[in-house]
Amino acid sequence: MSKQKDGKKVLMILSNPFLVDPRVHKEAKALVDAGNEVSIIVWDRHRDYEPESIIDGIRVIRIHNEGLMKSLPNDLFRNPIWWRMAYKKGLELYRNGFDFEVVHCHDLDTLLAGVWLKKKVGCKLVYDAHEIFGFMIKDTAPKWLSKASLKMERLLLKRIDHLITIDEPFKDYFASIADKPITIVMNCKDLEYEEYEPPTSEVFTLVYIGLMVRDRFFPDIIDLVGGIKGVKLIIAGKKEGIFEEVKNHSEKYDNVE
């Protein structure tokens, strides 16, 4: 992979398989296009992809659920092992020549590994908060876990160098708990057309790409759209949250995929 003279080596850490996360793909590709070298360690829980590949100039290294991780009942127990494995893989990359200057952690469930790497190799640490993690899980996890996540985030924010988040309300929240520089990178699709073009299909199509959880109105939205003629709903996302329930629920309707 070629790199401009002033480009940096950036290591990203992400707790999903990457190809289901367009925000991270766009950020990583933007860094590559700007002349940086990017590798990303991802957690492919279901072994949907090969252990390593190159995608748009981005080196993707996948950690699969194997051994003890595979036998544990859920991610609450797997997360500490994931953090350790991501840290060890990052350290292995560094010692084998990918001496990254920046580690870029996506969401709270990667940040501890980034803190360890910063302490070990002396790199800069960027925290990319797509969500306020403790609030995101409050309806699907025990109350103590939500509170512990918020507390953990506050503590780890002291160790970062820069924070990225998605909009002004999130920026205001993080500014209230951390004295760190914050940049907003909105999660927006690139415009395909500069002028409006009316659709050629008579079917009005809705697309949702993201995590399927109850506080995002799943599976209720399926029943709402499923009963409307002339409307189609396409759902895509990670095999997490209530994915299986949404998948089974969608089979009741011909206009939901």
C-alpha atoms as a PDB file:
ATOM      1  CA  MET A   1       0.000   0.000   0.000  1.00  0.00           C
ATOM      2  CA  SER A   2       1.521   3.328  -1.033  1.00  0.00           C
ATOM      3  CA  LYS A   3       1.679   6.175   1.436  1.00  0.00           C
ATOM      4  CA  GLN A   4       2.407   9.841   0.931  1.00  0.00           C
ATOM      5  CA  LYS A   5       5.492  11.268   2.587  1.00  0.00           C
ATOM      6  CA  ASP A   6       3.480  13.104   5.225  1.00  0.00           C
ATOM      7  CA  GLY A   7       0.906  10.339   5.721  1.00  0.00           C
ATOM      8  CA  LYS A   8       0.452   8.533   9.018  1.00  0.00           C
ATOM      9  CA  LYS A   9      -0.098   4.940  10.018  1.00  0.00           C
ATOM     10  CA  VAL A  10      -3.477   4.606  11.682  1.00  0.00           C
ATOM     11  CA  LEU A  11      -4.830   1.591  13.539  1.00  0.00           C
ATOM     12  CA  MET A  12      -8.595   1.401  13.974  1.00  0.00           C
ATOM     13  CA  ILE A  13     -10.426  -0.947  16.345  1.00  0.00           C
ATOM     14  CA  LEU A  14     -14.064  -1.876  15.714  1.00  0.00           C
ATOM     15  CA  SER A  15     -16.358  -4.386  17.438  1.00  0.00           C
ATOM     16  CA  ASN A  16     -18.206  -5.522  14.298  1.00  0.00           C
ATOM     17  CA  PRO A  17     -17.107  -7.125  10.976  1.00  0.00           C
ATOM     18  CA  PHE A  18     -16.587  -3.705   9.277  1.00  0.00           C
ATOM     19  CA  LEU A  19     -18.510  -4.384   6.061  1.00  0.00           C
ATOM     20  CA  VAL A  20     -21.794  -3.775   7.911  1.00  0.00           C
ATOM     21  CA  ASP A  21     -20.623  -0.376   9.172  1.00  0.00           C
ATOM     22  CA  PRO A  22     -20.618   2.226   6.368  1.00  0.00           C
ATOM     23  CA  ARG A  23     -19.610   5.070   8.725  1.00  0.00           C
ATOM     24  CA  VAL A  24     -16.332   3.355   9.649  1.00  0.00           C
ATOM     25  CA  HIS A  25     -15.687   2.318   6.051  1.00  0.00           C
ATOM     26  CA  LYS A  26     -16.089   5.917   4.874  1.00  0.00           C
ATOM     27  CA  GLU A  27     -13.792   7.270   7.592  1.00  0.00           C
ATOM     28  CA  ALA A  28     -11.105   4.691   6.900  1.00  0.00           C
ATOM     29  CA  LYS A  29     -11.302   5.200   3.133  1.00  0.00           C
ATOM     30  CA  ALA A  30     -11.074   8.989   3.583  1.00  0.00           C
ATOM     31  CA  LEU A  31      -7.868   8.498   5.562  1.00  0.00           C
ATOM     32  CA  VAL A  32      -6.424   6.218   2.867  1.00  0.00           C
ATOM     33  CA  ASP A  33      -7.422   8.639   0.115  1.00  0.00           C
ATOM     34  CA  ALA A  34      -5.631  11.410   2.043  1.00  0.00           C
ATOM     35  CA  GLY A  35      -2.383   9.428   1.909  1.00  0.00           C
ATOM     36  CA  ASN A  36      -2.485   7.565   5.210  1.00  0.00           C
ATOM     37  CA  GLU A  37      -1.998   3.848   5.799  1.00  0.00           C
ATOM     38  CA  VAL A  38      -4.902   2.248   7.654  1.00  0.00           C
ATOM     39  CA  SER A  39      -5.281  -1.137   9.292  1.00  0.00           C
ATOM     40  CA  ILE A  40      -8.387  -2.061  11.248  1.00  0.00           C
ATOM     41  CA  ILE A  41      -8.872  -4.816  13.819  1.00  0.00           C
ATOM     42  CA  VAL A  42     -12.503  -5.952  13.831  1.00  0.00           C
ATOM     43  CA  TRP A  43     -14.619  -8.439  15.773  1.00  0.00           C
ATOM     44  CA  ASP A  44     -16.310 -10.881  13.399  1.00  0.00           C
ATOM     45  CA  ARG A  45     -18.330 -12.817  15.961  1.00  0.00           C
ATOM     46  CA  HIS A  46     -20.074 -15.130  13.508  1.00  0.00           C
ATOM     47  CA  ARG A  47     -17.091 -15.864  11.206  1.00  0.00           C
ATOM     48  CA  ASP A  48     -18.896 -14.293   8.257  1.00  0.00           C
ATOM     49  CA  TYR A  49     -15.637 -13.198   6.623  1.00  0.00           C
ATOM     50  CA  GLU A  50     -12.095 -14.435   6.101  1.00  0.00           C
ATOM     51  CA  PRO A  51      -9.448 -13.697   8.774  1.00  0.00           C
ATOM     52  CA  GLU A  52      -7.813 -10.929   6.746  1.00  0.00           C
ATOM     53  CA  SER A  53      -8.492  -8.951   3.579  1.00  0.00           C
ATOM     54  CA  ILE A  54      -7.828  -5.654   1.806  1.00  0.00           C
ATOM     55  CA  ILE A  55     -10.888  -3.484   1.131  1.00  0.00           C
ATOM     56  CA  ASP A  56     -10.444  -0.173  -0.724  1.00  0.00           C
ATOM     57  CA  GLY A  57      -6.820  -0.031   0.395  1.00  0.00           C
ATOM     58  CA  ILE A  58      -7.736  -0.737   4.040  1.00  0.00           C
ATOM     59  CA  ARG A  59      -6.185  -3.774   5.703  1.00  0.00           C
ATOM     60  CA  VAL A  60      -8.904  -5.555   7.700  1.00  0.00           C
ATOM     61  CA  ILE A  61      -7.820  -8.055  10.386  1.00  0.00           C
ATOM     62  CA  ARG A  62     -10.699 -10.046  11.888  1.00  0.00           C
ATOM     63  CA  ILE A  63     -10.914 -11.658  15.295  1.00  0.00           C
ATOM     64  CA  HIS A  64     -13.360 -14.565  15.441  1.00  0.00           C
ATOM     65  CA  ASN A  65     -15.158 -16.156  18.368  1.00  0.00           C
ATOM     66  CA  GLU A  66     -12.970 -19.164  19.078  1.00  0.00           C
ATOM     67  CA  GLY A  67     -12.144 -21.300  22.077  1.00  0.00           C
ATOM     68  CA  LEU A  68     -13.359 -19.741  25.309  1.00  0.00           C
ATOM     69  CA  MET A  69     -15.023 -16.822  23.511  1.00  0.00           C
ATOM     70  CA  LYS A  70     -17.206 -19.249  21.573  1.00  0.00           C
ATOM     71  CA  SER A  71     -18.352 -21.056  24.694  1.00  0.00           C
ATOM     72  CA  LEU A  72     -19.319 -17.965  26.704  1.00  0.00           C
ATOM     73  CA  PRO A  73     -23.052 -17.111  26.779  1.00  0.00           C
ATOM     74  CA  ASN A  74     -22.965 -13.469  25.603  1.00  0.00           C
ATOM     75  CA  ASP A  75     -20.835 -10.399  24.906  1.00  0.00           C
ATOM     76  CA  LEU A  76     -20.900  -9.254  28.525  1.00  0.00           C
ATOM     77  CA  PHE A  77     -18.514 -12.117  29.242  1.00  0.00           C
ATOM     78  CA  ARG A  78     -16.742 -12.008  25.877  1.00  0.00           C
ATOM     79  CA  ASN A  79     -15.871  -8.303  25.930  1.00  0.00           C
ATOM     80  CA  PRO A  80     -12.873  -8.553  28.308  1.00  0.00           C
ATOM     81  CA  ILE A  81     -11.394 -11.280  26.094  1.00  0.00           C
ATOM     82  CA  TRP A  82     -12.087  -9.197  22.965  1.00  0.00           C
ATOM     83  CA  TRP A  83     -10.302  -6.196  24.507  1.00  0.00           C
ATOM     84  CA  ARG A  84      -7.290  -8.346  25.335  1.00  0.00           C
ATOM     85  CA  MET A  85      -7.190  -9.979  21.887  1.00  0.00           C
ATOM     86  CA  ALA A  86      -7.511  -6.624  20.098  1.00  0.00           C
ATOM     87  CA  TYR A  87      -4.710  -5.211  22.243  1.00  0.00           C
ATOM     88  CA  LYS A  88      -2.431  -8.183  21.576  1.00  0.00           C
ATOM     89  CA  LYS A  89      -3.143  -8.093  17.832  1.00  0.00           C
ATOM     90  CA  GLY A  90      -2.420  -4.349  17.737  1.00  0.00           C
ATOM     91  CA  LEU A  91       0.846  -4.886  19.586  1.00  0.00           C
ATOM     92  CA  GLU A  92       1.752  -7.692  17.182  1.00  0.00           C
ATOM     93  CA  LEU A  93       1.148  -5.394  14.195  1.00  0.00           C
ATOM     94  CA  TYR A  94       3.270  -2.666  15.788  1.00  0.00           C
ATOM     95  CA  ARG A  95       6.185  -5.017  16.450  1.00  0.00           C
ATOM     96  CA  ASN A  96       5.975  -6.417  12.917  1.00  0.00           C
ATOM     97  CA  GLY A  97       6.467  -3.031  11.290  1.00  0.00           C
ATOM     98  CA  PHE A  98       3.061  -1.334  11.297  1.00  0.00           C
ATOM     99  CA  ASP A  99       4.253   1.221  13.853  1.00  0.00           C
ATOM    100  CA  PHE A 100       1.003   3.198  14.011  1.00  0.00           C
ATOM    101  CA  GLU A 101       1.070   6.781  15.259  1.00  0.00           C
ATOM    102  CA  VAL A 102      -2.657   6.911  15.969  1.00  0.00           C
ATOM    103  CA  VAL A 103      -5.091   4.359  17.348  1.00  0.00           C
ATOM    104  CA  HIS A 104      -8.701   5.199  16.448  1.00  0.00           C
ATOM    105  CA  CYS A 105     -11.296   3.407  18.608  1.00  0.00           C
ATOM    106  CA  HIS A 106     -14.919   3.138  17.496  1.00  0.00           C
ATOM    107  CA  ASP A 107     -17.345   3.145  20.443  1.00  0.00           C
ATOM    108  CA  LEU A 108     -16.833   2.244  24.066  1.00  0.00           C
ATOM    109  CA  ASP A 109     -16.485  -1.498  23.516  1.00  0.00           C
ATOM    110  CA  THR A 110     -13.072  -0.916  21.902  1.00  0.00           C
ATOM    111  CA  LEU A 111     -11.704   1.972  23.937  1.00  0.00           C
ATOM    112  CA  LEU A 112      -9.966   0.051  26.721  1.00  0.00           C
ATOM    113  CA  ALA A 113      -7.822  -1.806  24.163  1.00  0.00           C
ATOM    114  CA  GLY A 114      -6.867   1.583  22.699  1.00  0.00           C
ATOM    115  CA  VAL A 115      -5.926   2.942  26.118  1.00  0.00           C
ATOM    116  CA  TRP A 116      -3.648  -0.053  26.679  1.00  0.00           C
ATOM    117  CA  LEU A 117      -2.000   0.423  23.285  1.00  0.00           C
ATOM    118  CA  LYS A 118      -1.451   4.138  23.900  1.00  0.00           C
ATOM    119  CA  LYS A 119       0.208   3.355  27.221  1.00  0.00           C
ATOM    120  CA  LYS A 120       2.397   0.650  25.648  1.00  0.00           C
ATOM    121  CA  VAL A 121       3.597   2.307  22.423  1.00  0.00           C
ATOM    122  CA  GLY A 122       3.036   6.027  23.107  1.00  0.00           C
ATOM    123  CA  CYS A 123       0.670   6.693  20.189  1.00  0.00           C
ATOM    124  CA  LYS A 124      -2.159   9.231  20.025  1.00  0.00           C
ATOM    125  CA  LEU A 125      -5.637   7.967  20.931  1.00  0.00           C
ATOM    126  CA  VAL A 126      -8.801   9.033  19.102  1.00  0.00           C
ATOM    127  CA  TYR A 127     -12.216   8.014  20.445  1.00  0.00           C
ATOM    128  CA  ASP A 128     -15.019   7.883  17.881  1.00  0.00           C
ATOM    129  CA  ALA A 129     -18.331   7.855  19.776  1.00  0.00           C
ATOM    130  CA  HIS A 130     -21.082   6.743  17.391  1.00  0.00           C
ATOM    131  CA  GLU A 131     -23.392   6.389  20.397  1.00  0.00           C
ATOM    132  CA  ILE A 132     -23.557   7.293  24.060  1.00  0.00           C
ATOM    133  CA  PHE A 133     -22.999   3.670  24.892  1.00  0.00           C
ATOM    134  CA  GLY A 134     -24.488   3.557  28.382  1.00  0.00           C
ATOM    135  CA  PHE A 135     -27.690   5.207  27.192  1.00  0.00           C
ATOM    136  CA  MET A 136     -27.864   2.996  24.089  1.00  0.00           C
ATOM    137  CA  ILE A 137     -27.964  -0.231  26.132  1.00  0.00           C
ATOM    138  CA  LYS A 138     -30.180   0.998  28.975  1.00  0.00           C
ATOM    139  CA  ASP A 139     -33.338  -0.715  27.648  1.00  0.00           C
ATOM    140  CA  THR A 140     -31.664  -3.992  26.677  1.00  0.00           C
ATOM    141  CA  ALA A 141     -29.146  -4.541  29.491  1.00  0.00           C
ATOM    142  CA  PRO A 142     -29.306  -4.585  33.297  1.00  0.00           C
ATOM    143  CA  LYS A 143     -29.445  -1.136  34.874  1.00  0.00           C
ATOM    144  CA  TRP A 144     -26.130  -1.691  36.664  1.00  0.00           C
ATOM    145  CA  LEU A 145     -24.404  -2.387  33.328  1.00  0.00           C
ATOM    146  CA  SER A 146     -25.695   0.834  31.804  1.00  0.00           C
ATOM    147  CA  LYS A 147     -24.449   2.819  34.810  1.00  0.00           C
ATOM    148  CA  ALA A 148     -21.109   0.993  34.786  1.00  0.00           C
ATOM    149  CA  SER A 149     -20.668   1.770  31.076  1.00  0.00           C
ATOM    150  CA  LEU A 150     -21.271   5.486  31.644  1.00  0.00           C
ATOM    151  CA  LYS A 151     -18.779   5.499  34.527  1.00  0.00           C
ATOM    152  CA  MET A 152     -16.201   3.538  32.535  1.00  0.00           C
ATOM    153  CA  GLU A 153     -16.520   5.955  29.623  1.00  0.00           C
ATOM    154  CA  ARG A 154     -15.964   8.983  31.870  1.00  0.00           C
ATOM    155  CA  LEU A 155     -12.799   7.405  33.279  1.00  0.00           C
ATOM    156  CA  LEU A 156     -11.361   6.355  29.918  1.00  0.00           C
ATOM    157  CA  LEU A 157     -12.052   9.758  28.336  1.00  0.00           C
ATOM    158  CA  LYS A 158      -9.278  11.133  30.532  1.00  0.00           C
ATOM    159  CA  ARG A 159      -6.794   9.072  28.501  1.00  0.00           C
ATOM    160  CA  ILE A 160      -7.817  10.095  24.977  1.00  0.00           C
ATOM    161  CA  ASP A 161      -6.285  12.861  22.843  1.00  0.00           C
ATOM    162  CA  HIS A 162      -9.245  13.684  20.606  1.00  0.00           C
ATOM    163  CA  LEU A 163     -12.934  12.791  20.403  1.00  0.00           C
ATOM    164  CA  ILE A 164     -15.102  12.387  17.305  1.00  0.00           C
ATOM    165  CA  THR A 165     -18.874  12.198  17.505  1.00  0.00           C
ATOM    166  CA  ILE A 166     -21.918  12.457  15.268  1.00  0.00           C
ATOM    167  CA  ASP A 167     -23.783  15.714  15.988  1.00  0.00           C
ATOM    168  CA  GLU A 168     -24.135  18.802  18.207  1.00  0.00           C
ATOM    169  CA  PRO A 169     -26.191  17.176  21.019  1.00  0.00           C
ATOM    170  CA  PHE A 170     -23.598  14.417  21.372  1.00  0.00           C
ATOM    171  CA  LYS A 171     -20.820  17.005  21.279  1.00  0.00           C
ATOM    172  CA  ASP A 172     -22.525  18.991  24.056  1.00  0.00           C
ATOM    173  CA  TYR A 173     -22.859  15.855  26.184  1.00  0.00           C
ATOM    174  CA  PHE A 174     -19.217  14.825  25.805  1.00  0.00           C
ATOM    175  CA  ALA A 175     -18.004  18.395  26.348  1.00  0.00           C
ATOM    176  CA  SER A 176     -19.842  18.348  29.684  1.00  0.00           C
ATOM    177  CA  ILE A 177     -17.907  15.309  30.934  1.00  0.00           C
ATOM    178  CA  ALA A 178     -14.497  15.626  29.229  1.00  0.00           C
ATOM    179  CA  ASP A 179     -12.122  18.500  28.599  1.00  0.00           C
ATOM    180  CA  LYS A 180     -10.927  17.213  25.225  1.00  0.00           C
ATOM    181  CA  PRO A 181     -11.037  18.600  21.668  1.00  0.00           C
ATOM    182  CA  ILE A 182     -14.142  17.331  19.862  1.00  0.00           C
ATOM    183  CA  THR A 183     -14.850  17.075  16.138  1.00  0.00           C
ATOM    184  CA  ILE A 184     -18.225  16.301  14.586  1.00  0.00           C
ATOM    185  CA  VAL A 185     -18.257  13.813  11.698  1.00  0.00           C
ATOM    186  CA  MET A 186     -21.867  13.334  10.663  1.00  0.00           C
ATOM    187  CA  ASN A 187     -23.098   9.954   9.524  1.00  0.00           C
ATOM    188  CA  CYS A 188     -24.368  11.080   6.112  1.00  0.00           C
ATOM    189  CA  LYS A 189     -24.499   9.329   2.791  1.00  0.00           C
ATOM    190  CA  ASP A 190     -22.675  10.904  -0.152  1.00  0.00           C
ATOM    191  CA  LEU A 191     -25.026  12.555  -2.633  1.00  0.00           C
ATOM    192  CA  GLU A 192     -25.513  10.449  -5.745  1.00  0.00           C
ATOM    193  CA  TYR A 193     -27.307  13.222  -7.633  1.00  0.00           C
ATOM    194  CA  GLU A 194     -27.020  16.987  -7.448  1.00  0.00           C
ATOM    195  CA  GLU A 195     -30.574  17.477  -8.701  1.00  0.00           C
ATOM    196  CA  TYR A 196     -33.783  15.728  -7.711  1.00  0.00           C
ATOM    197  CA  GLU A 197     -34.863  12.914  -9.986  1.00  0.00           C
ATOM    198  CA  PRO A 198     -38.365  11.506  -9.480  1.00  0.00           C
ATOM    199  CA  PRO A 199     -38.477   7.745  -8.806  1.00  0.00           C
ATOM    200  CA  THR A 200     -39.270   5.395 -11.651  1.00  0.00           C
ATOM    201  CA  SER A 201     -40.992   2.878  -9.360  1.00  0.00           C
ATOM    202  CA  GLU A 202     -44.492   3.266  -8.021  1.00  0.00           C
ATOM    203  CA  VAL A 203     -43.397   1.591  -4.758  1.00  0.00           C
ATOM    204  CA  PHE A 204     -42.130   3.951  -2.046  1.00  0.00           C
ATOM    205  CA  THR A 205     -39.052   2.267  -0.545  1.00  0.00           C
ATOM    206  CA  LEU A 206     -37.733   2.782   2.986  1.00  0.00           C
ATOM    207  CA  VAL A 207     -34.243   1.547   3.919  1.00  0.00           C
ATOM    208  CA  TYR A 208     -32.876   1.043   7.443  1.00  0.00           C
ATOM    209  CA  ILE A 209     -29.215   0.130   7.964  1.00  0.00           C
ATOM    210  CA  GLY A 210     -28.098  -0.257  11.557  1.00  0.00           C
ATOM    211  CA  LEU A 211     -28.519  -2.047  14.864  1.00  0.00           C
ATOM    212  CA  MET A 212     -31.901  -3.640  15.501  1.00  0.00           C
ATOM    213  CA  VAL A 213     -32.975  -2.923  19.073  1.00  0.00           C
ATOM    214  CA  ARG A 214     -36.288  -2.084  20.737  1.00  0.00           C
ATOM    215  CA  ASP A 215     -35.479   1.561  21.406  1.00  0.00           C
ATOM    216  CA  ARG A 216     -35.235   1.998  17.620  1.00  0.00           C
ATOM    217  CA  PHE A 217     -38.840   0.788  17.272  1.00  0.00           C
ATOM    218  CA  PHE A 218     -38.098  -2.807  16.314  1.00  0.00           C
ATOM    219  CA  PRO A 219     -40.014  -4.992  15.658  1.00  0.00           C
ATOM    220  CA  ASP A 220     -43.006  -2.591  15.861  1.00  0.00           C
ATOM    221  CA  ILE A 221     -42.002  -0.684  12.718  1.00  0.00           C
ATOM    222  CA  ILE A 222     -42.319  -3.909  10.716  1.00  0.00           C
ATOM    223  CA  ASP A 223     -45.999  -4.211  11.623  1.00  0.00           C
ATOM    224  CA  LEU A 224     -46.574  -0.548  10.802  1.00  0.00           C
ATOM    225  CA  VAL A 225     -45.002  -0.676   7.349  1.00  0.00           C
ATOM    226  CA  GLY A 226     -46.125  -4.222   6.646  1.00  0.00           C
ATOM    227  CA  GLY A 227     -49.723  -3.080   6.622  1.00  0.00           C
ATOM    228  CA  ILE A 228     -49.238  -0.210   4.156  1.00  0.00           C
ATOM    229  CA  LYS A 229     -49.859  -0.802   0.464  1.00  0.00           C
ATOM    230  CA  GLY A 230     -47.398   0.701  -2.009  1.00  0.00           C
ATOM    231  CA  VAL A 231     -44.562   0.856   0.543  1.00  0.00           C
ATOM    232  CA  LYS A 232     -41.544  -1.437   0.848  1.00  0.00           C
ATOM    233  CA  LEU A 233     -39.142  -1.705   3.811  1.00  0.00           C
ATOM    234  CA  ILE A 234     -35.582  -3.003   3.452  1.00  0.00           C
ATOM    235  CA  ILE A 235     -33.684  -3.733   6.684  1.00  0.00           C
ATOM    236  CA  ALA A 236     -29.963  -4.475   6.949  1.00  0.00           C
ATOM    237  CA  GLY A 237     -27.624  -4.689   9.919  1.00  0.00           C
ATOM    238  CA  LYS A 238     -25.472  -6.744  12.243  1.00  0.00           C
ATOM    239  CA  LYS A 239     -26.546 -10.118  13.653  1.00  0.00           C
ATOM    240  CA  GLU A 240     -26.898  -8.546  17.067  1.00  0.00           C
ATOM    241  CA  GLY A 241     -29.603  -7.054  19.254  1.00  0.00           C
ATOM    242  CA  ILE A 242     -32.921  -8.621  18.252  1.00  0.00           C
ATOM    243  CA  PHE A 243     -31.753  -9.533  14.740  1.00  0.00           C
ATOM    244  CA  GLU A 244     -33.339 -13.009  14.735  1.00  0.00           C
ATOM    245  CA  GLU A 245     -36.659 -11.689  16.054  1.00  0.00           C
ATOM    246  CA  VAL A 246     -36.701  -9.002  13.352  1.00  0.00           C
ATOM    247  CA  LYS A 247     -35.798 -11.558  10.679  1.00  0.00           C
ATOM    248  CA  ASN A 248     -38.614 -13.888  11.730  1.00  0.00           C
ATOM    249  CA  HIS A 249     -41.080 -11.009  12.071  1.00  0.00           C
ATOM    250  CA  SER A 250     -40.263  -9.746   8.576  1.00  0.00           C
ATOM    251  CA  GLU A 251     -41.269 -13.073   7.029  1.00  0.00           C
ATOM    252  CA  LYS A 252     -44.919 -12.293   7.824  1.00  0.00           C
ATOM    253  CA  TYR A 253     -44.992  -9.530   5.198  1.00  0.00           C
ATOM    254  CA  ASP A 254     -44.315  -9.564   1.472  1.00  0.00           C
ATOM    255  CA  ASN A 255     -43.179  -5.914   1.476  1.00  0.00           C
ATOM    256  CA  VAL A 256     -40.470  -6.280   4.161  1.00  0.00           C
ATOM    257  CA  GLU A 257     -36.996  -7.613   3.356  1.00  0.00           C
END
